[in-house]
Amino acid sequence: MSLIRRGVNPFYVVLVLAAVAFTLTASAYGVMTVRGLKPASRTEPESELITYMRRNGTRIMLYEIGILALASGLAMATDRYWSPEQTPASGNITADERTNRGQSELHKKENAP
């Protein structure tokens, strides 16, 4: 048996990038919120990042959550395609052979002592 490797699932890459972006955005949004609660910090001028997050932070985070949800669903839906597959040395296996192989493994587990 040999493994056919199709590569990396691109939706996992999108998922990791979106998760990093969401983490940074949520952190900046949290800093904005905490700084807004302290009365002493109101006398200091706000940075451009805090001003930007005050105006657009909620919308950006909602977009990122949508991207995370979409990428998660697509990554799970296509995971079977992108994972390595064992095939006989003679060539590719068909979907019927894959199903029969899975059913025979199930019967072996059920009949085991």
C-alpha atoms as a PDB file:
ATOM      1  CA  MET A   1       0.000   0.000   0.000  1.00  0.00           C
ATOM      2  CA  SER A   2       1.165   3.488  -0.734  1.00  0.00           C
ATOM      3  CA  LEU A   3      -0.081   6.863   0.364  1.00  0.00           C
ATOM      4  CA  ILE A   4      -1.379   9.414  -2.091  1.00  0.00           C
ATOM      5  CA  ARG A   5      -0.688  12.844  -0.666  1.00  0.00           C
ATOM      6  CA  ARG A   6      -2.792  15.648  -2.098  1.00  0.00           C
ATOM      7  CA  GLY A   7      -1.193  18.482  -0.167  1.00  0.00           C
ATOM      8  CA  VAL A   8      -2.335  20.772   2.593  1.00  0.00           C
ATOM      9  CA  ASN A   9      -5.995  21.642   2.951  1.00  0.00           C
ATOM     10  CA  PRO A  10      -6.048  25.333   1.911  1.00  0.00           C
ATOM     11  CA  PHE A  11      -9.018  26.022   4.164  1.00  0.00           C
ATOM     12  CA  TYR A  12      -6.876  25.195   7.213  1.00  0.00           C
ATOM     13  CA  VAL A  13      -4.399  27.852   6.095  1.00  0.00           C
ATOM     14  CA  VAL A  14      -7.234  30.389   5.763  1.00  0.00           C
ATOM     15  CA  LEU A  15      -8.541  29.261   9.154  1.00  0.00           C
ATOM     16  CA  VAL A  16      -5.195  29.829  10.887  1.00  0.00           C
ATOM     17  CA  LEU A  17      -4.709  33.246   9.265  1.00  0.00           C
ATOM     18  CA  ALA A  18      -8.256  34.326  10.177  1.00  0.00           C
ATOM     19  CA  ALA A  19      -7.770  33.097  13.744  1.00  0.00           C
ATOM     20  CA  VAL A  20      -4.558  35.107  14.127  1.00  0.00           C
ATOM     21  CA  ALA A  21      -6.251  38.213  12.689  1.00  0.00           C
ATOM     22  CA  PHE A  22      -9.235  37.733  14.999  1.00  0.00           C
ATOM     23  CA  THR A  23      -6.949  37.352  18.030  1.00  0.00           C
ATOM     24  CA  LEU A  24      -5.129  40.588  17.216  1.00  0.00           C
ATOM     25  CA  THR A  25      -8.393  42.454  16.553  1.00  0.00           C
ATOM     26  CA  ALA A  26     -10.025  41.179  19.738  1.00  0.00           C
ATOM     27  CA  SER A  27      -6.934  42.168  21.746  1.00  0.00           C
ATOM     28  CA  ALA A  28      -6.941  45.678  20.296  1.00  0.00           C
ATOM     29  CA  TYR A  29     -10.690  45.937  20.937  1.00  0.00           C
ATOM     30  CA  GLY A  30     -10.134  44.837  24.544  1.00  0.00           C
ATOM     31  CA  VAL A  31      -7.390  47.431  25.048  1.00  0.00           C
ATOM     32  CA  MET A  32      -9.716  50.088  23.635  1.00  0.00           C
ATOM     33  CA  THR A  33     -12.459  49.065  26.055  1.00  0.00           C
ATOM     34  CA  VAL A  34     -10.206  48.962  29.120  1.00  0.00           C
ATOM     35  CA  ARG A  35      -8.638  52.322  28.301  1.00  0.00           C
ATOM     36  CA  GLY A  36     -12.108  53.819  27.895  1.00  0.00           C
ATOM     37  CA  LEU A  37     -13.077  52.685  31.401  1.00  0.00           C
ATOM     38  CA  LYS A  38     -10.214  54.451  33.197  1.00  0.00           C
ATOM     39  CA  PRO A  39     -10.932  58.127  33.910  1.00  0.00           C
ATOM     40  CA  ALA A  40      -7.212  59.028  33.969  1.00  0.00           C
ATOM     41  CA  SER A  41      -6.682  57.763  30.435  1.00  0.00           C
ATOM     42  CA  ARG A  42      -9.331  60.131  29.031  1.00  0.00           C
ATOM     43  CA  THR A  43      -6.993  63.084  29.421  1.00  0.00           C
ATOM     44  CA  GLU A  44      -4.413  61.417  27.187  1.00  0.00           C
ATOM     45  CA  PRO A  45      -4.942  61.669  23.419  1.00  0.00           C
ATOM     46  CA  GLU A  46      -6.164  58.451  21.813  1.00  0.00           C
ATOM     47  CA  SER A  47      -3.881  56.617  19.432  1.00  0.00           C
ATOM     48  CA  GLU A  48      -4.945  56.094  15.844  1.00  0.00           C
ATOM     49  CA  LEU A  49      -5.423  52.367  16.457  1.00  0.00           C
ATOM     50  CA  ILE A  50      -7.805  53.002  19.363  1.00  0.00           C
ATOM     51  CA  THR A  51      -9.756  55.536  17.316  1.00  0.00           C
ATOM     52  CA  TYR A  52      -9.943  53.109  14.391  1.00  0.00           C
ATOM     53  CA  MET A  53     -11.076  50.264  16.655  1.00  0.00           C
ATOM     54  CA  ARG A  54     -13.727  52.486  18.265  1.00  0.00           C
ATOM     55  CA  ARG A  55     -15.190  53.231  14.817  1.00  0.00           C
ATOM     56  CA  ASN A  56     -14.727  49.881  13.050  1.00  0.00           C
ATOM     57  CA  GLY A  57     -13.795  47.247  15.645  1.00  0.00           C
ATOM     58  CA  THR A  58     -17.190  45.594  15.998  1.00  0.00           C
ATOM     59  CA  ARG A  59     -17.714  45.341  12.252  1.00  0.00           C
ATOM     60  CA  ILE A  60     -14.220  43.952  11.679  1.00  0.00           C
ATOM     61  CA  MET A  61     -14.677  41.310  14.379  1.00  0.00           C
ATOM     62  CA  LEU A  62     -18.033  40.251  12.925  1.00  0.00           C
ATOM     63  CA  TYR A  63     -16.436  39.860   9.472  1.00  0.00           C
ATOM     64  CA  GLU A  64     -13.628  37.807  10.982  1.00  0.00           C
ATOM     65  CA  ILE A  65     -16.088  35.570  12.846  1.00  0.00           C
ATOM     66  CA  GLY A  66     -17.913  34.992   9.559  1.00  0.00           C
ATOM     67  CA  ILE A  67     -14.667  34.099   7.809  1.00  0.00           C
ATOM     68  CA  LEU A  68     -13.754  31.762  10.682  1.00  0.00           C
ATOM     69  CA  ALA A  69     -17.133  30.025  10.484  1.00  0.00           C
ATOM     70  CA  LEU A  70     -16.975  29.663   6.701  1.00  0.00           C
ATOM     71  CA  ALA A  71     -13.360  28.442   6.692  1.00  0.00           C
ATOM     72  CA  SER A  72     -14.118  25.979   9.505  1.00  0.00           C
ATOM     73  CA  GLY A  73     -17.066  24.517   7.643  1.00  0.00           C
ATOM     74  CA  LEU A  74     -15.157  24.245   4.375  1.00  0.00           C
ATOM     75  CA  ALA A  75     -12.100  22.745   6.090  1.00  0.00           C
ATOM     76  CA  MET A  76     -14.229  20.052   7.729  1.00  0.00           C
ATOM     77  CA  ALA A  77     -16.228  19.395   4.563  1.00  0.00           C
ATOM     78  CA  THR A  78     -13.122  18.923   2.389  1.00  0.00           C
ATOM     79  CA  ASP A  79     -10.902  17.240   4.973  1.00  0.00           C
ATOM     80  CA  ARG A  80     -11.484  13.766   3.570  1.00  0.00           C
ATOM     81  CA  TYR A  81     -10.394  14.919   0.106  1.00  0.00           C
ATOM     82  CA  TRP A  82      -7.168  16.532   1.309  1.00  0.00           C
ATOM     83  CA  SER A  83      -6.083  13.808   3.748  1.00  0.00           C
ATOM     84  CA  PRO A  84      -3.619  11.149   2.594  1.00  0.00           C
ATOM     85  CA  GLU A  85      -5.276   8.058   1.161  1.00  0.00           C
ATOM     86  CA  GLN A  86      -3.982   4.489   1.155  1.00  0.00           C
ATOM     87  CA  THR A  87      -4.232   2.805  -2.202  1.00  0.00           C
ATOM     88  CA  PRO A  88      -3.173  -0.579  -3.541  1.00  0.00           C
ATOM     89  CA  ALA A  89       0.048  -0.602  -5.501  1.00  0.00           C
ATOM     90  CA  SER A  90      -1.917  -1.356  -8.676  1.00  0.00           C
ATOM     91  CA  GLY A  91      -3.739   1.975  -8.726  1.00  0.00           C
ATOM     92  CA  ASN A  92      -6.488   4.076  -7.239  1.00  0.00           C
ATOM     93  CA  ILE A  93      -9.360   2.588  -5.312  1.00  0.00           C
ATOM     94  CA  THR A  94     -12.929   3.356  -6.193  1.00  0.00           C
ATOM     95  CA  ALA A  95     -15.532   4.807  -3.864  1.00  0.00           C
ATOM     96  CA  ASP A  96     -17.229   1.388  -3.657  1.00  0.00           C
ATOM     97  CA  GLU A  97     -13.978  -0.275  -2.631  1.00  0.00           C
ATOM     98  CA  ARG A  98     -13.435   2.415   0.004  1.00  0.00           C
ATOM     99  CA  THR A  99     -16.952   1.855   1.372  1.00  0.00           C
ATOM    100  CA  ASN A 100     -16.538  -1.933   1.370  1.00  0.00           C
ATOM    101  CA  ARG A 101     -13.171  -1.606   3.068  1.00  0.00           C
ATOM    102  CA  GLY A 102     -14.708   0.553   5.811  1.00  0.00           C
ATOM    103  CA  GLN A 103     -17.587  -1.878   6.302  1.00  0.00           C
ATOM    104  CA  SER A 104     -15.268  -4.873   6.549  1.00  0.00           C
ATOM    105  CA  GLU A 105     -13.238  -3.051   9.218  1.00  0.00           C
ATOM    106  CA  LEU A 106     -16.457  -2.376  11.124  1.00  0.00           C
ATOM    107  CA  HIS A 107     -17.452  -6.053  10.966  1.00  0.00           C
ATOM    108  CA  LYS A 108     -14.019  -7.089  12.227  1.00  0.00           C
ATOM    109  CA  LYS A 109     -14.411  -4.810  15.269  1.00  0.00           C
ATOM    110  CA  GLU A 110     -17.905  -6.084  15.993  1.00  0.00           C
ATOM    111  CA  ASN A 111     -16.868  -9.746  15.785  1.00  0.00           C
ATOM    112  CA  ALA A 112     -13.724  -9.310  17.875  1.00  0.00           C
ATOM    113  CA  PRO A 113     -13.794 -11.046  21.312  1.00  0.00           C
END
